[in-house]
Amino acid sequence: MYDVSTRKRALALVAEGRSLNSVSRETGISRAAIRSWQDRLEPLPPMAPPDPGPPADECKYAYLLGLYLGDGCISDHPRGTGYYLRIACANSWPGLIEACEIAMRAINPTGCASRTQAQGYVSVVSYSRHWPHLFPQHGPGKKHERRIALEPWQQVIVDAHPWEFIRGLIHSDGCRITNWTTRTVAGEQKRYEYPRYFLTNLSPDIIRLFTTTLDQVGVDWKKANARNISVARKASVALMDAHVGPKY
């Protein structure tokens, strides 16, 4: 793509009586390009990519949406030709890295994704012109500093695949841990251990999406503070173990 000043310089040489051949040899610009500039100097505006519509694999999309809201970002290609979706996955969880890449390939219209090793984590990366259509939550600034809400078509997918959405959020910004406490029984202190799930996120909107979906599937939760959600009741932990499980 030649800028307007380059086009003007080439046309100025033609206006001096130079042939297209000589101008082409001097500037390295093809004769066809110079000839087209004689009809239109300004470059045509880039065509917006068509909206690809909702993804075909809704199950993988619900999981990838959870990962994106937790640890994902979308950035422009330096040349303005498309976008990169990046999701950071800790080195400690190779299964998560694999699942993330599989989901990303399933949702990207080109089917492409790759991994980039960084200090302490792997960035799963995929390029497409369509990421802002597929993740309209993309915008300037940090997610917790702007409003995050699902589009109606996204909510339909989450309603149909709530566990995959929850799993994506837990696999990005959550964990399954073992808590412990002590109780006095017959005058003797005993230690008791119990599993618990946590989600930590600074965005109140993402917290709300998480808890609303937990309500949908019948999981009891408690807000430890403004950015931490805990699932500790035995029946609810069993549900989470059956459908989500720990990262691996």
Protein backbone atom coordinates (compact mmCIF):
# COMPACT_ATOMS: atom_id res chain seq x y z
CA MET A 1 0.00 0.00 0.00
CA TYR A 2 1.57 3.30 -1.15
CA ASP A 3 0.78 6.50 0.71
CA VAL A 4 -0.65 9.57 -1.01
CA SER A 5 2.66 11.48 -1.07
CA THR A 6 4.36 8.59 -2.93
CA ARG A 7 1.52 8.51 -5.43
CA LYS A 8 1.77 12.25 -6.01
CA ARG A 9 5.53 12.08 -6.62
CA ALA A 10 5.06 9.33 -9.22
CA LEU A 11 2.29 11.26 -10.97
CA ALA A 12 4.41 14.42 -10.93
CA LEU A 13 7.09 12.57 -12.92
CA VAL A 14 4.46 11.47 -15.43
CA ALA A 15 3.21 15.05 -15.65
CA GLU A 16 6.73 16.13 -16.66
CA GLY A 17 6.35 14.04 -19.80
CA ARG A 18 8.06 10.91 -18.56
CA SER A 19 6.80 7.54 -19.79
CA LEU A 20 5.18 5.06 -17.42
CA ASN A 21 8.09 2.69 -18.10
CA SER A 22 10.75 5.18 -17.00
CA VAL A 23 8.81 6.27 -13.92
CA SER A 24 8.26 2.63 -13.00
CA ARG A 25 11.98 1.85 -13.34
CA GLU A 26 12.97 4.87 -11.24
CA THR A 27 10.44 4.39 -8.44
CA GLY A 28 10.04 0.61 -8.41
CA ILE A 29 6.27 1.04 -8.70
CA SER A 30 4.41 -1.00 -11.28
CA ARG A 31 3.03 0.71 -14.38
CA ALA A 32 -0.43 -0.66 -13.58
CA ALA A 33 -0.41 1.03 -10.19
CA ILE A 34 0.71 4.38 -11.61
CA ARG A 35 -1.90 4.15 -14.36
CA SER A 36 -4.66 3.45 -11.78
CA TRP A 37 -3.57 6.50 -9.75
CA GLN A 38 -4.20 8.70 -12.76
CA ASP A 39 -7.88 7.76 -12.38
CA ARG A 40 -8.00 7.74 -8.56
CA LEU A 41 -5.32 9.22 -6.33
CA GLU A 42 -6.78 8.37 -2.93
CA PRO A 43 -6.59 4.71 -1.84
CA LEU A 44 -9.87 2.88 -1.48
CA PRO A 45 -11.05 2.58 2.13
CA PRO A 46 -10.52 -0.91 3.56
CA MET A 47 -13.55 -3.13 3.37
CA ALA A 48 -14.93 -4.19 6.72
CA PRO A 49 -14.85 -7.97 7.12
CA PRO A 50 -18.29 -9.55 7.02
CA ASP A 51 -19.77 -10.60 10.33
CA PRO A 52 -19.17 -14.37 10.52
CA GLY A 53 -22.27 -14.84 12.66
CA PRO A 54 -22.48 -17.01 15.79
CA PRO A 55 -19.90 -19.80 16.00
CA ALA A 56 -20.93 -23.27 14.88
CA ASP A 57 -19.35 -25.04 17.87
CA GLU A 58 -21.29 -23.42 20.70
CA CYS A 59 -19.83 -25.71 23.38
CA LYS A 60 -16.24 -24.73 22.55
CA TYR A 61 -17.29 -21.10 22.24
CA ALA A 62 -18.81 -21.02 25.75
CA TYR A 63 -15.54 -22.37 27.16
CA LEU A 64 -13.39 -19.96 25.14
CA LEU A 65 -15.62 -17.05 26.19
CA GLY A 66 -14.94 -17.89 29.84
CA LEU A 67 -11.20 -18.06 29.16
CA TYR A 68 -11.27 -14.76 27.27
CA LEU A 69 -13.16 -12.92 30.02
CA GLY A 70 -10.65 -14.21 32.56
CA ASP A 71 -7.21 -14.09 30.95
CA GLY A 72 -7.74 -13.03 27.35
CA CYS A 73 -7.21 -9.93 25.27
CA ILE A 74 -7.66 -8.84 21.66
CA SER A 75 -5.13 -6.55 19.99
CA ASP A 76 -4.85 -4.99 16.53
CA HIS A 77 -2.43 -6.32 13.94
CA PRO A 78 0.28 -3.64 13.42
CA ARG A 79 -0.80 -3.21 9.78
CA GLY A 80 -4.46 -2.92 10.69
CA THR A 81 -5.42 -6.02 8.70
CA GLY A 82 -6.91 -8.04 11.53
CA TYR A 83 -6.70 -8.93 15.21
CA TYR A 84 -4.87 -11.25 17.57
CA LEU A 85 -6.70 -13.12 20.31
CA ARG A 86 -4.30 -14.00 23.14
CA ILE A 87 -5.08 -16.07 26.21
CA ALA A 88 -2.44 -16.48 28.92
CA CYS A 89 -2.17 -19.98 30.43
CA ALA A 90 0.22 -20.83 33.27
CA ASN A 91 2.95 -23.36 32.51
CA SER A 92 1.68 -25.43 35.44
CA TRP A 93 -1.44 -26.52 33.52
CA PRO A 94 -0.52 -28.24 30.21
CA GLY A 95 -4.04 -29.67 29.94
CA LEU A 96 -5.48 -26.16 30.08
CA ILE A 97 -3.08 -24.98 27.38
CA GLU A 98 -4.14 -27.85 25.13
CA ALA A 99 -7.86 -27.29 25.77
CA CYS A 100 -7.48 -23.57 25.08
CA GLU A 101 -5.75 -24.16 21.76
CA ILE A 102 -8.35 -26.75 20.69
CA ALA A 103 -11.19 -24.33 21.49
CA MET A 104 -9.46 -21.45 19.74
CA ARG A 105 -8.94 -23.50 16.57
CA ALA A 106 -12.58 -24.60 16.64
CA ILE A 107 -13.86 -21.01 16.86
CA ASN A 108 -11.40 -19.17 14.58
CA PRO A 109 -12.90 -19.18 11.04
CA THR A 110 -9.39 -19.95 9.72
CA GLY A 111 -8.87 -22.83 12.17
CA CYS A 112 -5.44 -21.47 13.15
CA ALA A 113 -3.81 -21.03 16.57
CA SER A 114 -0.30 -21.20 17.99
CA ARG A 115 1.61 -21.02 21.27
CA THR A 116 4.20 -18.49 22.40
CA GLN A 117 6.30 -19.25 25.46
CA ALA A 118 6.72 -16.38 27.91
CA GLN A 119 8.18 -16.12 31.41
CA GLY A 120 6.04 -18.45 33.51
CA TYR A 121 3.17 -18.85 31.06
CA VAL A 122 2.19 -19.79 27.53
CA SER A 123 0.29 -17.33 25.38
CA VAL A 124 -2.13 -19.15 23.08
CA VAL A 125 -2.52 -16.87 20.06
CA SER A 126 -4.82 -16.83 17.05
CA TYR A 127 -5.17 -14.30 14.23
CA SER A 128 -8.45 -13.42 12.53
CA ARG A 129 -10.31 -10.41 11.17
CA HIS A 130 -13.38 -11.59 13.06
CA TRP A 131 -12.37 -11.65 16.74
CA PRO A 132 -14.18 -8.36 17.60
CA HIS A 133 -17.36 -9.83 16.09
CA LEU A 134 -16.97 -13.05 18.04
CA PHE A 135 -16.01 -11.28 21.28
CA PRO A 136 -17.80 -7.90 21.24
CA GLN A 137 -16.64 -7.32 24.83
CA HIS A 138 -13.37 -6.17 23.24
CA GLY A 139 -12.67 -2.49 23.79
CA PRO A 140 -10.08 0.03 24.95
CA GLY A 141 -8.73 -0.24 28.47
CA LYS A 142 -8.91 -3.00 31.06
CA LYS A 143 -12.01 -5.18 31.33
CA HIS A 144 -12.69 -4.22 34.95
CA GLU A 145 -12.68 -0.53 33.97
CA ARG A 146 -15.41 -0.84 31.34
CA ARG A 147 -18.86 -2.39 31.14
CA ILE A 148 -18.92 -6.09 30.28
CA ALA A 149 -22.23 -7.52 29.09
CA LEU A 150 -23.12 -10.43 26.82
CA GLU A 151 -24.86 -9.89 23.51
CA PRO A 152 -28.22 -11.71 23.24
CA TRP A 153 -26.74 -14.38 20.94
CA GLN A 154 -23.91 -14.96 23.45
CA GLN A 155 -26.37 -15.31 26.31
CA VAL A 156 -28.26 -17.95 24.33
CA ILE A 157 -25.03 -19.94 23.99
CA VAL A 158 -24.15 -19.58 27.69
CA ASP A 159 -27.67 -20.63 28.67
CA ALA A 160 -27.30 -23.73 26.50
CA HIS A 161 -23.78 -24.56 27.75
CA PRO A 162 -23.50 -23.05 31.26
CA TRP A 163 -20.97 -25.57 32.56
CA GLU A 164 -18.55 -24.88 29.74
CA PHE A 165 -18.75 -21.15 30.46
CA ILE A 166 -18.18 -21.77 34.19
CA ARG A 167 -15.31 -24.12 33.35
CA GLY A 168 -13.64 -21.47 31.19
CA LEU A 169 -13.87 -18.88 33.95
CA ILE A 170 -12.54 -21.28 36.60
CA HIS A 171 -9.72 -22.42 34.31
CA SER A 172 -8.67 -18.81 33.75
CA ASP A 173 -9.33 -16.86 36.95
CA GLY A 174 -10.32 -19.63 39.34
CA CYS A 175 -9.00 -22.64 41.21
CA ARG A 176 -9.97 -25.69 43.23
CA ILE A 177 -8.15 -25.83 46.56
CA THR A 178 -8.25 -27.79 49.79
CA ASN A 179 -9.11 -25.75 52.85
CA TRP A 180 -8.68 -26.92 56.41
CA THR A 181 -10.02 -26.04 59.82
CA THR A 182 -9.78 -27.39 63.36
CA ARG A 183 -12.55 -28.47 65.68
CA THR A 184 -12.51 -29.55 69.27
CA VAL A 185 -13.98 -33.04 69.65
CA ALA A 186 -14.12 -34.62 73.11
CA GLY A 187 -11.60 -32.08 74.32
CA GLU A 188 -9.18 -32.82 71.47
CA GLN A 189 -8.48 -30.56 68.50
CA LYS A 190 -8.83 -32.31 65.16
CA ARG A 191 -7.99 -31.07 61.71
CA TYR A 192 -10.59 -31.30 58.96
CA GLU A 193 -9.96 -30.72 55.25
CA TYR A 194 -12.54 -29.87 52.61
CA PRO A 195 -12.37 -28.83 48.92
CA ARG A 196 -13.46 -25.41 47.73
CA TYR A 197 -13.64 -23.54 44.43
CA PHE A 198 -12.68 -19.89 44.08
CA LEU A 199 -13.03 -17.31 41.33
CA THR A 200 -11.15 -14.01 41.57
CA ASN A 201 -11.86 -11.18 39.14
CA LEU A 202 -11.74 -7.39 39.46
CA SER A 203 -14.70 -6.82 37.13
CA PRO A 204 -18.06 -6.70 38.95
CA ASP A 205 -19.76 -7.47 35.62
CA ILE A 206 -17.74 -10.65 35.09
CA ILE A 207 -18.40 -11.66 38.70
CA ARG A 208 -22.12 -11.15 38.04
CA LEU A 209 -22.01 -13.27 34.87
CA PHE A 210 -20.30 -16.03 36.84
CA THR A 211 -22.69 -16.02 39.80
CA THR A 212 -25.77 -15.76 37.57
CA THR A 213 -24.63 -18.86 35.70
CA LEU A 214 -23.90 -20.67 38.98
CA ASP A 215 -27.49 -19.91 40.03
CA GLN A 216 -28.71 -21.36 36.73
CA VAL A 217 -27.06 -24.74 37.42
CA GLY A 218 -27.96 -24.87 41.11
CA VAL A 219 -24.55 -24.16 42.65
CA ASP A 220 -24.55 -22.35 46.00
CA TRP A 221 -21.92 -19.64 46.24
CA LYS A 222 -20.76 -16.98 48.66
CA LYS A 223 -19.11 -13.65 47.99
CA ALA A 224 -15.96 -13.59 50.10
CA ASN A 225 -15.41 -9.96 49.08
CA ALA A 226 -16.03 -7.74 46.04
CA ARG A 227 -13.72 -9.73 43.80
CA ASN A 228 -13.78 -13.26 45.25
CA ILE A 229 -16.51 -15.88 44.89
CA SER A 230 -16.35 -19.08 46.94
CA VAL A 231 -18.13 -22.40 46.41
CA ALA A 232 -17.74 -24.53 49.54
CA ARG A 233 -20.98 -26.42 50.24
CA LYS A 234 -20.46 -30.14 49.82
CA ALA A 235 -23.24 -30.70 47.27
CA SER A 236 -22.17 -27.70 45.20
CA VAL A 237 -18.51 -28.74 45.22
CA ALA A 238 -19.62 -32.18 44.04
CA LEU A 239 -21.50 -30.55 41.14
CA MET A 240 -18.44 -28.50 40.24
CA ASP A 241 -16.23 -31.59 40.43
CA ALA A 242 -18.56 -33.45 38.09
CA HIS A 243 -18.71 -30.70 35.46
CA VAL A 244 -15.61 -28.52 35.91
CA GLY A 245 -12.86 -30.15 37.94
CA PRO A 246 -9.45 -28.76 38.86
CA LYS A 247 -7.01 -27.40 36.33
CA TYR A 248 -4.46 -29.92 35.14
